[in-house]
């Protein structure tokens, strides 16, 4: 019985029935990590012994954490989340030796939910850029093709999930950091409605876009973790009937890689063939790009102003801090007003069109070579900033509604491509029911070839942006 290969919902059922033990599940995940981590580097910081001790206590004392919703499932925490007594670097040499004294509120809550944590998943420096590499822990590679990017910033979490090294994983998302790696690695990444995760730390009332969220190999797995994060049970029962879906692969004007465009169109066609009402339409997101960039800069300035001139920090992160510090009161007022307008436009779009969901491309490109720091051209269109290739996600961030990446196809070379499903604010559970129905239409996404990773010649792999 390959426990690590089962969906988390099945692992949970096996543990609850006594047909598998917490020790056995952890051992299976450790075996997967042993096969894949030398190549993918998804979980660079580990403490398997502490995890084994907790799994043993759970097996030996059935009353310990009895009823906890995630009891015995295996995870690792993104290296942006503080973990008590375990090194938390944020991917930056500035914090290379940082060991927090206390858990982040979400980490503490998930421990109480019964998760067995094995360590920390890799992330770009301060989570900036959807390509997971940093000077502390190095590069995380895509398990479908280790020559390519795993996406980010929850890249380590997505890769660990795809490889079966963890049962579920939480991450964070500002401009697509749950959705982009979900698409690149063939897993589900869900960004909840802004402000709906009570365990998130609010930096400033003006900053509403950063969110924590769950990842899973299936919609049901993701829903189990979201239920634990919110203390509200989330059903992944597919919606009945034939949904009415607004569809625009490119949000009206974004450049898309031809394979992404084709895969997104195929997904819409498959749903239409299944009886879904697919209508070409998209919400008014004018001004979202500038709004996102300004409020993202403000967020960086609020948390990292002292690092603006620290050359240990990568240039793109320092640029974000500098942008935020340079914003005047009028510019910030305009950004806040734009965010409010876009949030209103978003919900009005669904109400007026009577749409259940909006379907678009998750990422504008498929996984790209690891040696690139960021994508500078898409389908002949030049991009002049490291975040501009992520606008298919970042534009959807601003209105504040729930959105997710759902595996829906592959490129000609066998790389996974996700579609982005989005809904009105507060309709997270409805969106999940729609995603579960779409997942039934598409069929399950197969895992990457773990056996091929285990025998790969590491010397054949190209270096990442840092060499």
Protein backbone atom coordinates (compact mmCIF):
# COMPACT_ATOMS: atom_id res chain seq x y z
CA UNK A 1 0.00 0.00 0.00
CA UNK A 2 1.63 3.25 -1.21
CA UNK A 3 0.28 5.59 1.43
CA UNK A 4 2.20 8.61 0.14
CA UNK A 5 0.52 8.29 -3.24
CA UNK A 6 -3.01 8.43 -1.88
CA UNK A 7 -4.97 11.70 -1.73
CA UNK A 8 -5.04 13.27 1.74
CA UNK A 9 -8.74 12.44 2.10
CA UNK A 10 -7.95 8.74 1.69
CA UNK A 11 -4.95 8.99 4.01
CA UNK A 12 -7.22 10.61 6.59
CA UNK A 13 -9.79 7.82 6.27
CA UNK A 14 -7.13 5.12 6.59
CA UNK A 15 -5.72 6.73 9.73
CA UNK A 16 -9.17 7.17 11.27
CA UNK A 17 -10.12 3.52 10.64
CA UNK A 18 -6.83 2.15 11.97
CA UNK A 19 -5.91 0.59 8.63
CA UNK A 20 -2.79 2.76 8.60
CA UNK A 21 -0.77 4.33 11.38
CA UNK A 22 0.68 7.80 11.65
CA UNK A 23 4.14 6.26 11.71
CA UNK A 24 3.45 4.39 8.48
CA UNK A 25 2.18 7.46 6.67
CA UNK A 26 5.13 9.53 7.81
CA UNK A 27 7.55 6.79 6.76
CA UNK A 28 5.95 6.65 3.31
CA UNK A 29 6.27 10.41 2.92
CA UNK A 30 9.89 10.27 4.09
CA UNK A 31 10.61 7.62 1.47
CA UNK A 32 9.14 9.86 -1.23
CA UNK A 33 11.23 12.76 0.00
CA UNK A 34 14.33 10.57 -0.02
CA UNK A 35 13.72 9.72 -3.66
CA UNK A 36 12.91 13.22 -4.87
CA UNK A 37 14.52 15.85 -2.62
CA UNK A 38 18.05 15.42 -4.01
CA UNK A 39 16.61 16.68 -7.31
CA UNK A 40 13.72 19.01 -6.47
CA UNK A 41 14.85 20.60 -3.17
CA UNK A 42 11.30 21.38 -2.07
CA UNK A 43 11.80 20.91 1.70
CA UNK A 44 15.31 22.19 2.44
CA UNK A 45 14.86 22.35 6.23
CA UNK A 46 13.72 19.13 7.89
CA UNK A 47 13.44 17.51 11.31
CA UNK A 48 12.22 13.99 10.59
CA UNK A 49 13.08 12.82 14.10
CA UNK A 50 10.74 15.33 15.74
CA UNK A 51 8.04 14.38 13.26
CA UNK A 52 8.55 10.69 14.01
CA UNK A 53 8.30 11.36 17.72
CA UNK A 54 4.95 13.14 17.27
CA UNK A 55 3.62 10.44 14.93
CA UNK A 56 4.59 7.84 17.52
CA UNK A 57 2.78 9.68 20.30
CA UNK A 58 -0.34 9.93 18.14
CA UNK A 59 -0.25 6.18 17.48
CA UNK A 60 0.44 5.24 21.10
CA UNK A 61 -2.19 7.51 22.62
CA UNK A 62 -5.46 7.49 20.70
CA UNK A 63 -6.81 10.21 22.98
CA UNK A 64 -4.04 12.63 21.99
CA UNK A 65 -5.58 15.25 19.67
CA UNK A 66 -8.67 13.08 19.39
CA UNK A 67 -11.06 14.65 16.91
CA UNK A 68 -8.46 17.01 15.44
CA UNK A 69 -9.45 17.42 11.78
CA UNK A 70 -5.99 16.74 10.32
CA UNK A 71 -4.72 14.27 12.91
CA UNK A 72 -1.66 12.42 11.59
CA UNK A 73 -1.53 14.01 8.13
CA UNK A 74 1.93 15.17 7.05
CA UNK A 75 2.90 18.71 6.07
CA UNK A 76 5.76 21.19 5.92
CA UNK A 77 5.40 24.93 6.45
CA UNK A 78 6.39 27.59 3.93
CA UNK A 79 9.62 29.30 4.93
CA UNK A 80 7.80 32.63 5.20
CA UNK A 81 5.85 31.32 8.24
CA UNK A 82 7.62 31.45 11.63
CA UNK A 83 8.08 28.06 13.28
CA UNK A 84 9.15 27.91 16.92
CA UNK A 85 12.60 26.41 17.35
CA UNK A 86 13.11 25.77 13.62
CA UNK A 87 15.12 27.98 11.31
CA UNK A 88 12.93 30.38 9.34
CA UNK A 89 14.92 32.33 6.75
CA UNK A 90 12.28 33.93 4.49
CA UNK A 91 14.71 32.85 1.78
CA UNK A 92 17.03 35.73 2.64
CA UNK A 93 20.67 35.77 3.77
CA UNK A 94 19.64 38.55 6.17
CA UNK A 95 17.75 35.90 8.17
CA UNK A 96 19.91 32.87 7.38
CA UNK A 97 20.32 32.05 11.08
CA UNK A 98 16.91 33.20 12.31
CA UNK A 99 15.19 30.77 14.71
CA UNK A 100 11.83 32.15 15.94
CA UNK A 101 10.78 31.69 19.54
CA UNK A 102 7.10 31.30 18.63
CA UNK A 103 4.98 29.91 15.83
CA UNK A 104 3.09 32.16 13.46
CA UNK A 105 -0.61 32.10 14.46
CA UNK A 106 -1.57 29.93 11.46
CA UNK A 107 1.24 27.45 12.14
CA UNK A 108 0.18 27.19 15.80
CA UNK A 109 -3.42 26.61 14.76
CA UNK A 110 -2.51 23.88 12.25
CA UNK A 111 -0.42 22.11 14.87
CA UNK A 112 -3.52 22.03 17.07
CA UNK A 113 -5.39 20.55 14.10
CA UNK A 114 -3.13 17.49 14.31
CA UNK A 115 -0.72 17.98 11.41
CA UNK A 116 2.68 16.33 11.66
CA UNK A 117 5.19 18.84 10.32
CA UNK A 118 8.48 17.64 8.84
CA UNK A 119 10.09 21.03 8.14
CA UNK A 120 9.99 24.08 5.87
CA UNK A 121 9.21 24.39 2.17
CA UNK A 122 11.32 26.58 -0.08
CA UNK A 123 10.31 30.04 -1.29
CA UNK A 124 11.86 32.96 -3.20
CA UNK A 125 13.50 35.63 -1.07
CA UNK A 126 10.69 37.29 0.93
CA UNK A 127 8.27 35.48 -1.40
CA UNK A 128 9.00 37.95 -4.21
CA UNK A 129 8.84 36.49 -7.72
CA UNK A 130 7.07 33.37 -8.93
CA UNK A 131 10.25 31.34 -9.34
CA UNK A 132 11.49 29.52 -6.24
CA UNK A 133 15.19 30.14 -5.69
CA UNK A 134 17.17 32.01 -3.04
CA UNK A 135 20.79 32.31 -1.84
CA UNK A 136 20.10 30.43 1.41
CA UNK A 137 18.42 27.22 0.23
CA UNK A 138 19.04 27.33 -3.51
CA UNK A 139 16.69 26.33 -6.30
CA UNK A 140 13.50 24.26 -6.22
CA UNK A 141 12.96 22.33 -9.47
CA UNK A 142 9.81 21.21 -11.22
CA UNK A 143 9.21 17.45 -10.67
CA UNK A 144 7.69 17.10 -14.15
CA UNK A 145 10.93 18.39 -15.68
CA UNK A 146 13.73 19.46 -13.33
CA UNK A 147 15.18 21.73 -16.01
CA UNK A 148 12.16 23.99 -15.45
CA UNK A 149 10.80 26.30 -12.75
CA UNK A 150 8.47 25.14 -10.00
CA UNK A 151 6.83 28.57 -9.91
CA UNK A 152 6.34 30.37 -6.64
CA UNK A 153 6.30 31.72 -4.19
CA UNK A 154 4.73 28.59 -2.67
CA UNK A 155 6.88 26.54 -5.04
CA UNK A 156 8.36 24.23 -2.44
CA UNK A 157 4.89 23.46 -1.08
CA UNK A 158 3.50 22.62 -4.52
CA UNK A 159 6.46 20.40 -5.42
CA UNK A 160 6.40 18.54 -2.10
CA UNK A 161 2.70 17.86 -2.68
CA UNK A 162 3.19 16.70 -6.25
CA UNK A 163 5.96 14.33 -5.15
CA UNK A 164 3.93 12.86 -2.27
CA UNK A 165 6.37 14.04 0.40
CA UNK A 166 3.51 15.74 2.28
CA UNK A 167 -0.24 15.16 2.51
CA UNK A 168 -1.33 18.80 2.32
CA UNK A 169 0.44 22.14 2.36
CA UNK A 170 -0.48 25.71 3.19
CA UNK A 171 1.09 28.68 1.48
CA UNK A 172 0.48 32.35 0.88
CA UNK A 173 -0.64 34.35 -2.12
CA UNK A 174 -0.35 38.00 -3.08
CA UNK A 175 0.08 38.02 -6.85
CA UNK A 176 -0.48 34.33 -7.53
CA UNK A 177 1.82 32.51 -5.11
CA UNK A 178 -0.62 29.65 -4.50
CA UNK A 179 -2.11 29.59 -7.98
CA UNK A 180 1.00 29.88 -10.15
CA UNK A 181 2.88 26.93 -8.58
CA UNK A 182 -0.38 25.00 -8.54
CA UNK A 183 -0.51 25.35 -12.31
CA UNK A 184 3.18 24.54 -12.83
CA UNK A 185 3.08 21.37 -10.71
CA UNK A 186 -0.35 19.86 -11.37
CA UNK A 187 -1.87 20.50 -7.93
CA UNK A 188 -4.73 22.64 -6.60
CA UNK A 189 -3.83 26.02 -5.13
CA UNK A 190 -6.65 28.04 -3.53
CA UNK A 191 -6.63 31.73 -2.63
CA UNK A 192 -9.57 32.41 -0.25
CA UNK A 193 -11.64 35.59 -0.10
CA UNK A 194 -9.50 38.44 1.21
CA UNK A 195 -9.61 38.64 5.00
CA UNK A 196 -11.30 35.27 5.52
CA UNK A 197 -8.40 33.51 7.28
CA UNK A 198 -8.62 34.72 10.86
CA UNK A 199 -5.14 33.46 11.70
CA UNK A 200 -3.47 35.75 9.16
CA UNK A 201 -1.56 38.67 10.65
CA UNK A 202 -2.86 42.03 9.38
CA UNK A 203 0.03 44.47 8.87
CA UNK A 204 -2.08 47.56 8.22
CA UNK A 205 -5.78 48.07 7.45
CA UNK A 206 -4.83 49.36 3.98
CA UNK A 207 -3.22 46.01 3.12
CA UNK A 208 -5.99 43.57 2.22
CA UNK A 209 -4.48 41.55 -0.63
CA UNK A 210 -1.95 39.11 0.98
CA UNK A 211 -3.65 35.85 1.97
CA UNK A 212 -2.79 32.42 3.35
CA UNK A 213 -4.44 29.48 1.67
CA UNK A 214 -4.43 25.71 1.18
CA UNK A 215 -2.94 23.44 -1.47
CA UNK A 216 -3.83 19.82 -2.22
CA UNK A 217 -3.50 17.18 -4.88
CA UNK A 218 -7.28 17.26 -5.36
CA UNK A 219 -10.08 19.72 -4.70
CA UNK A 220 -11.25 17.55 -1.80
CA UNK A 221 -7.75 17.55 -0.25
CA UNK A 222 -7.56 21.31 -0.51
CA UNK A 223 -11.05 21.62 1.03
CA UNK A 224 -10.04 19.50 4.03
CA UNK A 225 -7.16 21.85 4.77
CA UNK A 226 -9.26 24.98 4.20
CA UNK A 227 -11.85 23.64 6.64
CA UNK A 228 -9.15 23.25 9.29
CA UNK A 229 -7.74 26.72 8.57
CA UNK A 230 -11.16 28.35 8.98
CA UNK A 231 -12.72 26.02 11.58
CA UNK A 232 -15.67 25.56 9.21
CA UNK A 233 -16.21 22.25 7.44
CA UNK A 234 -15.88 22.64 3.67
CA UNK A 235 -17.69 20.23 1.37
CA UNK A 236 -16.13 19.20 -1.92
CA UNK A 237 -19.36 17.68 -3.21
CA UNK A 238 -19.64 18.66 -6.89
CA UNK A 239 -22.33 21.23 -7.65
CA UNK A 240 -25.44 19.91 -9.35
CA UNK A 241 -26.84 21.34 -12.56
CA UNK A 242 -25.10 23.13 -15.41
CA UNK A 243 -23.17 26.19 -14.23
CA UNK A 244 -23.07 29.48 -16.15
CA UNK A 245 -19.43 30.44 -16.58
CA UNK A 246 -17.84 33.65 -17.88
CA UNK A 247 -14.74 32.85 -19.92
CA UNK A 248 -11.76 34.91 -21.04
CA UNK A 249 -8.38 33.16 -21.21
CA UNK A 250 -6.43 36.44 -21.27
CA UNK A 251 -8.65 38.82 -19.23
CA UNK A 252 -9.18 40.76 -22.43
CA UNK A 253 -5.67 41.89 -23.31
CA UNK A 254 -2.87 39.92 -21.62
CA UNK A 255 -0.28 38.09 -23.75
CA UNK A 256 -0.47 34.31 -23.35
CA UNK A 257 1.90 31.59 -24.45
CA UNK A 258 0.14 29.78 -27.32
CA UNK A 259 0.16 26.47 -25.43
CA UNK A 260 -1.48 28.11 -22.41
CA UNK A 261 -4.09 29.75 -24.61
CA UNK A 262 -4.84 26.44 -26.35
CA UNK A 263 -5.04 24.46 -23.11
CA UNK A 264 -7.36 27.02 -21.50
CA UNK A 265 -9.61 27.02 -24.55
CA UNK A 266 -9.66 23.20 -24.58
CA UNK A 267 -10.69 23.18 -20.92
CA UNK A 268 -13.57 25.55 -21.67
CA UNK A 269 -14.61 23.41 -24.63
CA UNK A 270 -14.57 20.24 -22.51
CA UNK A 271 -16.82 21.90 -19.94
CA UNK A 272 -19.13 23.12 -22.70
CA UNK A 273 -19.32 19.59 -24.09
CA UNK A 274 -20.33 18.46 -20.59
CA UNK A 275 -23.28 20.87 -20.69
CA UNK A 276 -21.80 23.90 -18.91
CA UNK A 277 -22.96 27.29 -20.21
CA UNK A 278 -19.70 28.99 -21.26
CA UNK A 279 -20.08 32.69 -22.12
CA UNK A 280 -17.22 34.85 -23.42
CA UNK A 281 -17.09 37.76 -20.98
CA UNK A 282 -14.72 39.33 -18.49
CA UNK A 283 -15.01 41.83 -15.63
CA UNK A 284 -13.76 45.41 -15.79
CA UNK A 285 -10.31 45.22 -14.22
CA UNK A 286 -9.00 48.53 -15.58
CA UNK A 287 -6.50 50.05 -13.16
CA UNK A 288 -5.85 46.76 -11.38
CA UNK A 289 -2.20 46.55 -12.45
CA UNK A 290 -1.16 49.92 -10.99
CA UNK A 291 -3.32 49.37 -7.90
CA UNK A 292 -1.65 46.02 -7.28
CA UNK A 293 1.87 47.37 -7.74
CA UNK A 294 1.34 50.35 -5.44
CA UNK A 295 -0.30 48.41 -2.61
CA UNK A 296 2.29 45.64 -2.95
CA UNK A 297 5.02 48.28 -2.61
CA UNK A 298 3.30 49.76 0.45
CA UNK A 299 3.19 46.31 2.02
CA UNK A 300 6.92 45.83 1.49
CA UNK A 301 7.70 49.29 2.87
CA UNK A 302 5.67 48.62 6.00
CA UNK A 303 7.52 45.39 6.78
CA UNK A 304 11.01 45.87 5.34
CA UNK A 305 11.90 49.57 5.14
CA UNK A 306 15.19 48.93 6.94
CA UNK A 307 16.32 46.65 4.10
CA UNK A 308 15.84 49.17 1.28
CA UNK A 309 19.60 49.65 0.82
CA UNK A 310 20.81 46.28 2.09
CA UNK A 311 22.70 44.72 -0.82
CA UNK A 312 22.29 41.27 0.69
CA UNK A 313 18.67 41.50 -0.48
CA UNK A 314 17.93 40.78 -4.15
CA UNK A 315 17.41 43.80 -6.37
CA UNK A 316 13.78 43.10 -7.21
CA UNK A 317 12.81 43.01 -3.53
CA UNK A 318 14.71 46.24 -2.85
CA UNK A 319 12.89 47.82 -5.78
CA UNK A 320 9.54 46.93 -4.19
CA UNK A 321 10.59 48.45 -0.87
CA UNK A 322 11.81 51.61 -2.60
CA UNK A 323 8.59 51.92 -4.55
CA UNK A 324 6.55 51.70 -1.38
CA UNK A 325 8.69 54.26 0.44
CA UNK A 326 8.36 56.71 -2.45
CA UNK A 327 4.56 56.61 -2.60
CA UNK A 328 2.91 59.89 -1.66
CA UNK A 329 -0.38 60.31 0.15
CA UNK A 330 -2.27 61.10 -3.06
CA UNK A 331 -0.94 58.01 -4.84
CA UNK A 332 -1.86 55.80 -1.89
CA UNK A 333 -5.32 57.33 -1.72
CA UNK A 334 -5.80 56.63 -5.43
CA UNK A 335 -4.68 53.00 -4.98
CA UNK A 336 -7.11 52.46 -2.11
CA UNK A 337 -9.98 54.01 -4.10
CA UNK A 338 -9.11 51.85 -7.11
CA UNK A 339 -9.17 48.73 -4.96
CA UNK A 340 -12.63 49.61 -3.61
CA UNK A 341 -13.91 50.29 -7.13
CA UNK A 342 -12.53 47.01 -8.46
CA UNK A 343 -14.05 45.06 -5.57
CA UNK A 344 -17.45 46.56 -6.39
CA UNK A 345 -17.01 45.90 -10.13
CA UNK A 346 -16.15 42.28 -9.43
CA UNK A 347 -19.28 41.33 -7.54
CA UNK A 348 -21.47 43.38 -9.90
CA UNK A 349 -20.07 41.41 -12.84
CA UNK A 350 -21.28 38.12 -11.37
CA UNK A 351 -24.65 39.50 -10.32
CA UNK A 352 -25.51 41.25 -13.60
CA UNK A 353 -24.34 38.39 -15.79
CA UNK A 354 -25.78 35.77 -13.46
CA UNK A 355 -22.43 34.01 -13.65
CA UNK A 356 -21.54 31.25 -11.20
CA UNK A 357 -17.83 31.44 -11.94
CA UNK A 358 -15.16 33.14 -14.06
CA UNK A 359 -12.67 30.96 -15.99
CA UNK A 360 -9.29 32.23 -17.21
CA UNK A 361 -5.69 31.12 -17.57
CA UNK A 362 -3.83 30.69 -14.29
CA UNK A 363 -0.36 31.50 -15.56
CA UNK A 364 0.44 33.28 -18.80
CA UNK A 365 3.24 30.82 -19.52
CA UNK A 366 3.99 27.13 -18.88
CA UNK A 367 6.97 26.22 -16.65
CA UNK A 368 10.07 28.01 -17.96
CA UNK A 369 13.84 27.23 -17.80
CA UNK A 370 15.31 27.45 -14.31
CA UNK A 371 18.12 29.72 -15.45
CA UNK A 372 15.75 32.61 -16.13
CA UNK A 373 15.01 34.90 -13.19
CA UNK A 374 11.73 35.99 -14.75
CA UNK A 375 9.90 35.99 -18.06
CA UNK A 376 10.69 39.03 -20.22
CA UNK A 377 8.65 38.13 -23.32
CA UNK A 378 5.38 36.31 -23.98
CA UNK A 379 4.24 35.53 -27.52
CA UNK A 380 6.31 38.37 -28.94
CA UNK A 381 5.26 40.94 -26.30
CA UNK A 382 8.15 42.41 -24.30
CA UNK A 383 7.71 42.73 -20.52
CA UNK A 384 9.73 45.30 -18.59
CA UNK A 385 9.22 44.22 -14.97
CA UNK A 386 9.59 40.97 -13.08
CA UNK A 387 5.93 40.83 -12.01
CA UNK A 388 4.31 41.55 -15.37
CA UNK A 389 4.20 37.93 -16.51
CA UNK A 390 2.02 37.16 -13.48
CA UNK A 391 -0.80 39.60 -14.22
CA UNK A 392 -3.23 36.80 -15.07
CA UNK A 393 -3.19 36.12 -11.31
CA UNK A 394 -2.36 39.54 -9.83
CA UNK A 395 -5.30 41.25 -11.56
CA UNK A 396 -7.64 38.67 -10.03
CA UNK A 397 -6.10 39.31 -6.60
CA UNK A 398 -7.20 42.94 -6.41
CA UNK A 399 -11.02 42.48 -6.32
CA UNK A 400 -10.66 40.22 -3.28
CA UNK A 401 -12.75 37.23 -4.31
CA UNK A 402 -11.74 33.56 -4.05
CA UNK A 403 -9.75 32.03 -6.89
CA UNK A 404 -7.87 28.83 -7.52
CA UNK A 405 -5.75 26.96 -10.01
CA UNK A 406 -7.20 23.61 -11.04
CA UNK A 407 -5.17 21.11 -13.13
CA UNK A 408 -6.85 20.93 -16.52
CA UNK A 409 -4.38 19.83 -19.18
CA UNK A 410 -0.85 19.43 -20.41
CA UNK A 411 1.48 20.99 -22.95
CA UNK A 412 2.72 18.98 -25.92
CA UNK A 413 5.79 18.17 -23.81
CA UNK A 414 3.73 16.82 -20.90
CA UNK A 415 3.89 19.81 -18.56
CA UNK A 416 0.80 20.50 -16.43
CA UNK A 417 -1.31 23.59 -17.07
CA UNK A 418 -3.95 24.85 -14.67
CA UNK A 419 -7.02 26.96 -15.30
CA UNK A 420 -8.00 29.74 -12.91
CA UNK A 421 -11.49 29.57 -11.43
CA UNK A 422 -12.74 32.67 -9.61
CA UNK A 423 -15.91 33.73 -7.82
CA UNK A 424 -17.56 36.60 -5.92
CA UNK A 425 -16.26 37.60 -2.49
CA UNK A 426 -17.43 35.29 0.26
CA UNK A 427 -18.53 32.53 -2.13
CA UNK A 428 -15.54 30.30 -1.42
CA UNK A 429 -17.57 27.17 -0.72
CA UNK A 430 -19.64 27.62 -3.88
CA UNK A 431 -16.47 28.00 -5.94
CA UNK A 432 -15.07 24.80 -4.42
CA UNK A 433 -18.24 22.89 -5.35
CA UNK A 434 -17.90 24.19 -8.91
CA UNK A 435 -14.22 23.20 -9.00
CA UNK A 436 -15.09 19.71 -7.77
CA UNK A 437 -17.58 19.38 -10.61
CA UNK A 438 -15.00 20.59 -13.13
CA UNK A 439 -12.46 18.15 -11.69
CA UNK A 440 -14.93 15.33 -12.35
CA UNK A 441 -15.18 16.43 -15.98
CA UNK A 442 -11.41 16.70 -16.50
CA UNK A 443 -10.46 13.61 -14.50
CA UNK A 444 -7.68 13.37 -11.92
CA UNK A 445 -4.25 14.80 -12.64
CA UNK A 446 -1.64 12.03 -12.61
CA UNK A 447 1.49 12.50 -10.49
CA UNK A 448 4.95 13.18 -11.92
CA UNK A 449 7.30 10.24 -12.48
CA UNK A 450 8.95 9.93 -9.07
CA UNK A 451 10.96 6.92 -10.20
CA UNK A 452 12.58 8.93 -12.98
CA UNK A 453 13.57 11.63 -10.49
CA UNK A 454 15.19 9.05 -8.23
CA UNK A 455 17.63 7.89 -10.92
CA UNK A 456 18.33 11.26 -12.53
CA UNK A 457 21.95 12.28 -13.05
CA UNK A 458 22.18 15.49 -11.03
CA UNK A 459 25.19 16.67 -13.02
CA UNK A 460 22.96 16.90 -16.09
CA UNK A 461 20.79 19.63 -14.57
CA UNK A 462 21.31 23.33 -15.41
CA UNK A 463 21.86 25.84 -12.60
CA UNK A 464 19.28 28.38 -11.48
CA UNK A 465 19.60 32.17 -11.72
CA UNK A 466 22.19 32.28 -8.94
CA UNK A 467 24.45 29.73 -10.68
